[in-house]
PDB file of N, CA and C in Angstrom:
ATOM      1  N   MET A   1       0.849  -1.175   0.000  1.00  0.00           N
ATOM      2  CA  MET A   1       0.000   0.000   0.000  1.00  0.00           C
ATOM      3  C   MET A   1       0.892   1.234   0.000  1.00  0.00           C
ATOM      4  N   SER A   2       0.567   2.188  -0.798  1.00  0.00           N
ATOM      5  CA  SER A   2       1.378   3.390  -0.872  1.00  0.00           C
ATOM      6  C   SER A   2       0.963   4.388   0.198  1.00  0.00           C
ATOM      7  N   LEU A   3       1.902   5.263   0.516  1.00  0.00           N
ATOM      8  CA  LEU A   3       1.600   6.326   1.472  1.00  0.00           C
ATOM      9  C   LEU A   3       0.607   7.292   0.862  1.00  0.00           C
ATOM     10  N   GLY A   4      -0.171   7.937   1.699  1.00  0.00           N
ATOM     11  CA  GLY A   4      -1.098   8.936   1.218  1.00  0.00           C
ATOM     12  C   GLY A   4      -2.396   8.369   0.691  1.00  0.00           C
ATOM     13  N   ALA A   5      -2.685   7.117   0.986  1.00  0.00           N
ATOM     14  CA  ALA A   5      -3.925   6.506   0.518  1.00  0.00           C
ATOM     15  C   ALA A   5      -5.128   7.182   1.169  1.00  0.00           C
ATOM     16  N   THR A   6      -6.211   7.270   0.430  1.00  0.00           N
ATOM     17  CA  THR A   6      -7.447   7.818   0.988  1.00  0.00           C
ATOM     18  C   THR A   6      -8.067   6.780   1.911  1.00  0.00           C
ATOM     19  N   ASP A   7      -9.030   7.209   2.709  1.00  0.00           N
ATOM     20  CA  ASP A   7      -9.716   6.262   3.589  1.00  0.00           C
ATOM     21  C   ASP A   7     -10.454   5.197   2.777  1.00  0.00           C
ATOM     22  N   ALA A   8     -10.992   5.581   1.631  1.00  0.00           N
ATOM     23  CA  ALA A   8     -11.665   4.603   0.767  1.00  0.00           C
ATOM     24  C   ALA A   8     -10.668   3.565   0.264  1.00  0.00           C
ATOM     25  N   GLU A   9      -9.458   4.011  -0.112  1.00  0.00           N
ATOM     26  CA  GLU A   9      -8.414   3.079  -0.565  1.00  0.00           C
ATOM     27  C   GLU A   9      -7.950   2.174   0.562  1.00  0.00           C
ATOM     28  N   LEU A  10      -7.867   2.730   1.768  1.00  0.00           N
ATOM     29  CA  LEU A  10      -7.534   1.896   2.927  1.00  0.00           C
ATOM     30  C   LEU A  10      -8.604   0.831   3.145  1.00  0.00           C
ATOM     31  N   GLY A  11      -9.864   1.238   2.994  1.00  0.00           N
ATOM     32  CA  GLY A  11     -10.959   0.282   3.124  1.00  0.00           C
ATOM     33  C   GLY A  11     -10.839  -0.839   2.114  1.00  0.00           C
ATOM     34  N   ASP A  12     -10.523  -0.496   0.872  1.00  0.00           N
ATOM     35  CA  ASP A  12     -10.328  -1.521  -0.160  1.00  0.00           C
ATOM     36  C   ASP A  12      -9.188  -2.450   0.217  1.00  0.00           C
ATOM     37  N   PHE A  13      -8.082  -1.872   0.712  1.00  0.00           N
ATOM     38  CA  PHE A  13      -6.920  -2.682   1.084  1.00  0.00           C
ATOM     39  C   PHE A  13      -7.272  -3.680   2.187  1.00  0.00           C
ATOM     40  N   PHE A  14      -8.009  -3.210   3.206  1.00  0.00           N
ATOM     41  CA  PHE A  14      -8.381  -4.067   4.330  1.00  0.00           C
ATOM     42  C   PHE A  14      -9.674  -4.845   4.081  1.00  0.00           C
ATOM     43  N   ASN A  15     -10.260  -4.629   2.899  1.00  0.00           N
ATOM     44  CA  ASN A  15     -11.509  -5.308   2.527  1.00  0.00           C
ATOM     45  C   ASN A  15     -12.650  -4.969   3.484  1.00  0.00           C
ATOM     46  N   VAL A  16     -12.741  -3.666   3.824  1.00  0.00           N
ATOM     47  CA  VAL A  16     -13.813  -3.156   4.673  1.00  0.00           C
ATOM     48  C   VAL A  16     -14.325  -1.861   4.045  1.00  0.00           C
ATOM     49  N   THR A  17     -15.403  -1.319   4.595  1.00  0.00           N
ATOM     50  CA  THR A  17     -15.948  -0.061   4.068  1.00  0.00           C
ATOM     51  C   THR A  17     -15.164   1.125   4.621  1.00  0.00           C
ATOM     52  N   GLU A  18     -15.336   2.260   3.964  1.00  0.00           N
ATOM     53  CA  GLU A  18     -14.712   3.492   4.447  1.00  0.00           C
ATOM     54  C   GLU A  18     -15.238   3.837   5.840  1.00  0.00           C
ATOM     55  N   GLN A  19     -16.514   3.555   6.096  1.00  0.00           N
ATOM     56  CA  GLN A  19     -17.083   3.818   7.424  1.00  0.00           C
ATOM     57  C   GLN A  19     -16.375   2.995   8.492  1.00  0.00           C
ATOM     58  N   THR A  20     -16.008   1.756   8.168  1.00  0.00           N
ATOM     59  CA  THR A  20     -15.275   0.925   9.123  1.00  0.00           C
ATOM     60  C   THR A  20     -13.922   1.556   9.435  1.00  0.00           C
ATOM     61  N   ILE A  21     -13.255   2.076   8.420  1.00  0.00           N
ATOM     62  CA  ILE A  21     -11.977   2.770   8.653  1.00  0.00           C
ATOM     63  C   ILE A  21     -12.196   3.943   9.602  1.00  0.00           C
ATOM     64  N   ASN A  22     -13.254   4.717   9.379  1.00  0.00           N
ATOM     65  CA  ASN A  22     -13.564   5.845  10.275  1.00  0.00           C
ATOM     66  C   ASN A  22     -13.859   5.357  11.683  1.00  0.00           C
ATOM     67  N   ASN A  23     -14.562   4.242  11.820  1.00  0.00           N
ATOM     68  CA  ASN A  23     -14.836   3.677  13.150  1.00  0.00           C
ATOM     69  C   ASN A  23     -13.536   3.242  13.825  1.00  0.00           C
ATOM     70  N   TRP A  24     -12.643   2.618  13.071  1.00  0.00           N
ATOM     71  CA  TRP A  24     -11.354   2.189  13.625  1.00  0.00           C
ATOM     72  C   TRP A  24     -10.553   3.392  14.102  1.00  0.00           C
ATOM     73  N   LYS A  25     -10.604   4.488  13.337  1.00  0.00           N
ATOM     74  CA  LYS A  25      -9.861   5.682  13.729  1.00  0.00           C
ATOM     75  C   LYS A  25     -10.373   6.235  15.060  1.00  0.00           C
ATOM     76  N   GLU A  26     -11.683   6.185  15.253  1.00  0.00           N
ATOM     77  CA  GLU A  26     -12.257   6.671  16.514  1.00  0.00           C
ATOM     78  C   GLU A  26     -11.954   5.720  17.671  1.00  0.00           C
ATOM     79  N   ALA A  27     -12.012   4.424  17.406  1.00  0.00           N
ATOM     80  CA  ALA A  27     -11.826   3.428  18.464  1.00  0.00           C
ATOM     81  C   ALA A  27     -10.351   3.200  18.805  1.00  0.00           C
ATOM     82  N   HIS A  28      -9.457   3.468  17.857  1.00  0.00           N
ATOM     83  CA  HIS A  28      -8.032   3.165  18.050  1.00  0.00           C
ATOM     84  C   HIS A  28      -7.185   4.385  17.677  1.00  0.00           C
ATOM     85  N   PRO A  29      -6.917   5.254  18.648  1.00  0.00           N
ATOM     86  CA  PRO A  29      -6.157   6.480  18.366  1.00  0.00           C
ATOM     87  C   PRO A  29      -4.793   6.212  17.716  1.00  0.00           C
ATOM     88  N   GLU A  30      -4.146   5.114  18.080  1.00  0.00           N
ATOM     89  CA  GLU A  30      -2.838   4.804  17.490  1.00  0.00           C
ATOM     90  C   GLU A  30      -2.971   4.482  15.992  1.00  0.00           C
ATOM     91  N   PHE A  31      -4.082   3.877  15.599  1.00  0.00           N
ATOM     92  CA  PHE A  31      -4.353   3.613  14.180  1.00  0.00           C
ATOM     93  C   PHE A  31      -4.538   4.936  13.445  1.00  0.00           C
ATOM     94  N   PHE A  32      -5.316   5.831  14.046  1.00  0.00           N
ATOM     95  CA  PHE A  32      -5.544   7.150  13.449  1.00  0.00           C
ATOM     96  C   PHE A  32      -4.234   7.914  13.286  1.00  0.00           C
ATOM     97  N   GLU A  33      -3.381   7.893  14.316  1.00  0.00           N
ATOM     98  CA  GLU A  33      -2.105   8.603  14.256  1.00  0.00           C
ATOM     99  C   GLU A  33      -1.197   8.028  13.181  1.00  0.00           C
ATOM    100  N   SER A  34      -1.191   6.714  13.018  1.00  0.00           N
ATOM    101  CA  SER A  34      -0.328   6.109  12.002  1.00  0.00           C
ATOM    102  C   SER A  34      -0.796   6.494  10.596  1.00  0.00           C
ATOM    103  N   ILE A  35      -2.106   6.550  10.389  1.00  0.00           N
ATOM    104  CA  ILE A  35      -2.643   6.980   9.090  1.00  0.00           C
ATOM    105  C   ILE A  35      -2.268   8.437   8.840  1.00  0.00           C
ATOM    106  N   LYS A  36      -2.439   9.254   9.869  1.00  0.00           N
ATOM    107  CA  LYS A  36      -2.144  10.683   9.751  1.00  0.00           C
ATOM    108  C   LYS A  36      -0.671  10.911   9.411  1.00  0.00           C
ATOM    109  N   LYS A  37       0.238  10.182  10.073  1.00  0.00           N
ATOM    110  CA  LYS A  37       1.665  10.325   9.798  1.00  0.00           C
ATOM    111  C   LYS A  37       1.976   9.937   8.355  1.00  0.00           C
ATOM    112  N   GLY A  38       1.369   8.855   7.872  1.00  0.00           N
ATOM    113  CA  GLY A  38       1.593   8.425   6.492  1.00  0.00           C
ATOM    114  C   GLY A  38       1.132   9.470   5.496  1.00  0.00           C
ATOM    115  N   LYS A  39      -0.025  10.049   5.740  1.00  0.00           N
ATOM    116  CA  LYS A  39      -0.552  11.078   4.840  1.00  0.00           C
ATOM    117  C   LYS A  39       0.291  12.349   4.908  1.00  0.00           C
ATOM    118  N   ASP A  40       0.750  12.708   6.108  1.00  0.00           N
ATOM    119  CA  ASP A  40       1.599  13.894   6.251  1.00  0.00           C
ATOM    120  C   ASP A  40       2.918  13.703   5.502  1.00  0.00           C
ATOM    121  N   LEU A  41       3.493  12.513   5.600  1.00  0.00           N
ATOM    122  CA  LEU A  41       4.740  12.224   4.900  1.00  0.00           C
ATOM    123  C   LEU A  41       4.536  12.309   3.388  1.00  0.00           C
ATOM    124  N   ALA A  42       3.447  11.745   2.898  1.00  0.00           N
ATOM    125  CA  ALA A  42       3.153  11.799   1.462  1.00  0.00           C
ATOM    126  C   ALA A  42       2.966  13.244   1.017  1.00  0.00           C
ATOM    127  N   ASP A  43       2.248  14.044   1.804  1.00  0.00           N
ATOM    128  CA  ASP A  43       2.046  15.459   1.466  1.00  0.00           C
ATOM    129  C   ASP A  43       3.373  16.209   1.412  1.00  0.00           C
ATOM    130  N   ALA A  44       4.265  15.913   2.363  1.00  0.00           N
ATOM    131  CA  ALA A  44       5.561  16.580   2.401  1.00  0.00           C
ATOM    132  C   ALA A  44       6.394  16.223   1.168  1.00  0.00           C
ATOM    133  N   LYS A  45       6.343  14.962   0.750  1.00  0.00           N
ATOM    134  CA  LYS A  45       7.097  14.552  -0.438  1.00  0.00           C
ATOM    135  C   LYS A  45       6.566  15.250  -1.689  1.00  0.00           C
ATOM    136  N   VAL A  46       5.257  15.359  -1.790  1.00  0.00           N
ATOM    137  CA  VAL A  46       4.660  16.037  -2.947  1.00  0.00           C
ATOM    138  C   VAL A  46       5.055  17.512  -2.942  1.00  0.00           C
ATOM    139  N   ALA A  47       4.989  18.152  -1.789  1.00  0.00           N
ATOM    140  CA  ALA A  47       5.358  19.567  -1.687  1.00  0.00           C
ATOM    141  C   ALA A  47       6.816  19.768  -2.080  1.00  0.00           C
ATOM    142  N   GLU A  48       7.699  18.878  -1.638  1.00  0.00           N
ATOM    143  CA  GLU A  48       9.119  18.972  -1.990  1.00  0.00           C
ATOM    144  C   GLU A  48       9.321  18.843  -3.503  1.00  0.00           C
ATOM    145  N   LYS A  49       8.653  17.871  -4.116  1.00  0.00           N
ATOM    146  CA  LYS A  49       8.786  17.667  -5.562  1.00  0.00           C
ATOM    147  C   LYS A  49       8.243  18.869  -6.344  1.00  0.00           C
ATOM    148  N   LEU A  50       7.124  19.431  -5.899  1.00  0.00           N
ATOM    149  CA  LEU A  50       6.566  20.606  -6.555  1.00  0.00           C
ATOM    150  C   LEU A  50       7.510  21.804  -6.430  1.00  0.00           C
ATOM    151  N   PHE A  51       8.124  21.946  -5.274  1.00  0.00           N
ATOM    152  CA  PHE A  51       9.081  23.020  -5.048  1.00  0.00           C
ATOM    153  C   PHE A  51      10.246  22.905  -6.025  1.00  0.00           C
ATOM    154  N   HIS A  52      10.823  21.697  -6.134  1.00  0.00           N
ATOM    155  CA  HIS A  52      11.945  21.492  -7.045  1.00  0.00           C
ATOM    156  C   HIS A  52      11.535  21.696  -8.499  1.00  0.00           C
ATOM    157  N   ARG A  53      10.353  21.271  -8.837  1.00  0.00           N
ATOM    158  CA  ARG A  53       9.874  21.450 -10.212  1.00  0.00           C
ATOM    159  C   ARG A  53       9.676  22.930 -10.530  1.00  0.00           C
ATOM    160  N   ALA A  54       9.169  23.677  -9.561  1.00  0.00           N
ATOM    161  CA  ALA A  54       8.942  25.107  -9.775  1.00  0.00           C
ATOM    162  C   ALA A  54      10.253  25.848  -9.999  1.00  0.00           C
ATOM    163  N   LEU A  55      11.321  25.396  -9.328  1.00  0.00           N
ATOM    164  CA  LEU A  55      12.622  26.037  -9.472  1.00  0.00           C
ATOM    165  C   LEU A  55      13.369  25.559 -10.705  1.00  0.00           C
ATOM    166  N   GLY A  56      12.958  24.427 -11.236  1.00  0.00           N
ATOM    167  CA  GLY A  56      13.683  23.823 -12.349  1.00  0.00           C
ATOM    168  C   GLY A  56      14.812  22.965 -11.812  1.00  0.00           C
ATOM    169  N   PHE A  57      15.376  22.153 -12.656  1.00  0.00           N
ATOM    170  CA  PHE A  57      16.482  21.320 -12.237  1.00  0.00           C
ATOM    171  C   PHE A  57      17.347  20.999 -13.443  1.00  0.00           C
ATOM    172  N   GLU A  58      18.566  20.593 -13.168  1.00  0.00           N
ATOM    173  CA  GLU A  58      19.484  20.210 -14.216  1.00  0.00           C
ATOM    174  C   GLU A  58      19.889  18.761 -14.011  1.00  0.00           C
ATOM    175  N   THR A  59      20.109  18.080 -15.107  1.00  0.00           N
ATOM    176  CA  THR A  59      20.537  16.691 -15.028  1.00  0.00           C
ATOM    177  C   THR A  59      21.386  16.380 -16.242  1.00  0.00           C
ATOM    178  N   THR A  60      22.175  15.358 -16.129  1.00  0.00           N
ATOM    179  CA  THR A  60      22.957  14.877 -17.264  1.00  0.00           C
ATOM    180  C   THR A  60      22.286  13.618 -17.777  1.00  0.00           C
ATOM    181  N   GLU A  61      21.926  13.660 -19.028  1.00  0.00           N
ATOM    182  CA  GLU A  61      21.269  12.512 -19.643  1.00  0.00           C
ATOM    183  C   GLU A  61      22.320  11.660 -20.335  1.00  0.00           C
ATOM    184  N   VAL A  62      22.264  10.358 -20.105  1.00  0.00           N
ATOM    185  CA  VAL A  62      23.175   9.432 -20.755  1.00  0.00           C
ATOM    186  C   VAL A  62      22.359   8.568 -21.709  1.00  0.00           C
ATOM    187  N   ILE A  63      22.723   8.621 -22.975  1.00  0.00           N
ATOM    188  CA  ILE A  63      22.045   7.819 -23.988  1.00  0.00           C
ATOM    189  C   ILE A  63      22.976   6.675 -24.362  1.00  0.00           C
ATOM    190  N   THR A  64      22.515   5.458 -24.208  1.00  0.00           N
ATOM    191  CA  THR A  64      23.312   4.288 -24.558  1.00  0.00           C
ATOM    192  C   THR A  64      22.811   3.743 -25.882  1.00  0.00           C
ATOM    193  N   ALA A  65      23.754   3.523 -26.790  1.00  0.00           N
ATOM    194  CA  ALA A  65      23.396   3.022 -28.114  1.00  0.00           C
ATOM    195  C   ALA A  65      24.456   2.019 -28.563  1.00  0.00           C
ATOM    196  N   ALA A  66      24.109   1.260 -29.566  1.00  0.00           N
ATOM    197  CA  ALA A  66      25.067   0.325 -30.158  1.00  0.00           C
ATOM    198  C   ALA A  66      25.255   0.707 -31.615  1.00  0.00           C
ATOM    199  N   TYR A  67      26.521   0.696 -32.042  1.00  0.00           N
ATOM    200  CA  TYR A  67      26.853   0.982 -33.436  1.00  0.00           C
ATOM    201  C   TYR A  67      27.901  -0.024 -33.881  1.00  0.00           C
ATOM    202  N   GLN A  68      27.551  -0.802 -34.866  1.00  0.00           N
ATOM    203  CA  GLN A  68      28.417  -1.844 -35.407  1.00  0.00           C
ATOM    204  C   GLN A  68      28.950  -2.752 -34.304  1.00  0.00           C
ATOM    205  N   GLY A  69      28.074  -3.094 -33.368  1.00  0.00           N
ATOM    206  CA  GLY A  69      28.430  -4.020 -32.296  1.00  0.00           C
ATOM    207  C   GLY A  69      29.115  -3.397 -31.103  1.00  0.00           C
ATOM    208  N   PHE A  70      29.368  -2.097 -31.140  1.00  0.00           N
ATOM    209  CA  PHE A  70      30.010  -1.428 -30.016  1.00  0.00           C
ATOM    210  C   PHE A  70      28.992  -0.592 -29.258  1.00  0.00           C
ATOM    211  N   ILE A  71      29.037  -0.667 -27.935  1.00  0.00           N
ATOM    212  CA  ILE A  71      28.153   0.111 -27.065  1.00  0.00           C
ATOM    213  C   ILE A  71      28.792   1.483 -26.860  1.00  0.00           C
ATOM    214  N   THR A  72      27.990   2.522 -27.029  1.00  0.00           N
ATOM    215  CA  THR A  72      28.485   3.885 -26.810  1.00  0.00           C
ATOM    216  C   THR A  72      27.562   4.609 -25.832  1.00  0.00           C
ATOM    217  N   ASP A  73      28.153   5.478 -25.044  1.00  0.00           N
ATOM    218  CA  ASP A  73      27.384   6.344 -24.142  1.00  0.00           C
ATOM    219  C   ASP A  73      27.601   7.786 -24.578  1.00  0.00           C
ATOM    220  N   ILE A  74      26.523   8.511 -24.725  1.00  0.00           N
ATOM    221  CA  ILE A  74      26.599   9.916 -25.102  1.00  0.00           C
ATOM    222  C   ILE A  74      25.994  10.713 -23.958  1.00  0.00           C
ATOM    223  N   LYS A  75      26.755  11.617 -23.373  1.00  0.00           N
ATOM    224  CA  LYS A  75      26.261  12.449 -22.273  1.00  0.00           C
ATOM    225  C   LYS A  75      25.824  13.780 -22.833  1.00  0.00           C
ATOM    226  N   GLU A  76      24.626  14.180 -22.422  1.00  0.00           N
ATOM    227  CA  GLU A  76      24.084  15.478 -22.844  1.00  0.00           C
ATOM    228  C   GLU A  76      23.648  16.249 -21.615  1.00  0.00           C
ATOM    229  N   GLY A  77      23.718  17.557 -21.697  1.00  0.00           N
ATOM    230  CA  GLY A  77      23.217  18.405 -20.624  1.00  0.00           C
ATOM    231  C   GLY A  77      24.274  18.754 -19.684  1.00  0.00           C
TER     232      GLY A  77
END
């Protein structure tokens, strides 16, 4: 299961309804906290990626090709 799953997705994973997930959250505070931490972590990762995308980034692309049986690497960027 990936981080940041919705309550409906959690219900599907556990083979229960979304209402059951909500009941578990009320009955088991530690379950609620673990879900909350997972969602917070996923939100933080998305925010970080959006931040980096907004600023732009640089990378070196390596293209691997074969020519007459020889492997070549071409670096760009």
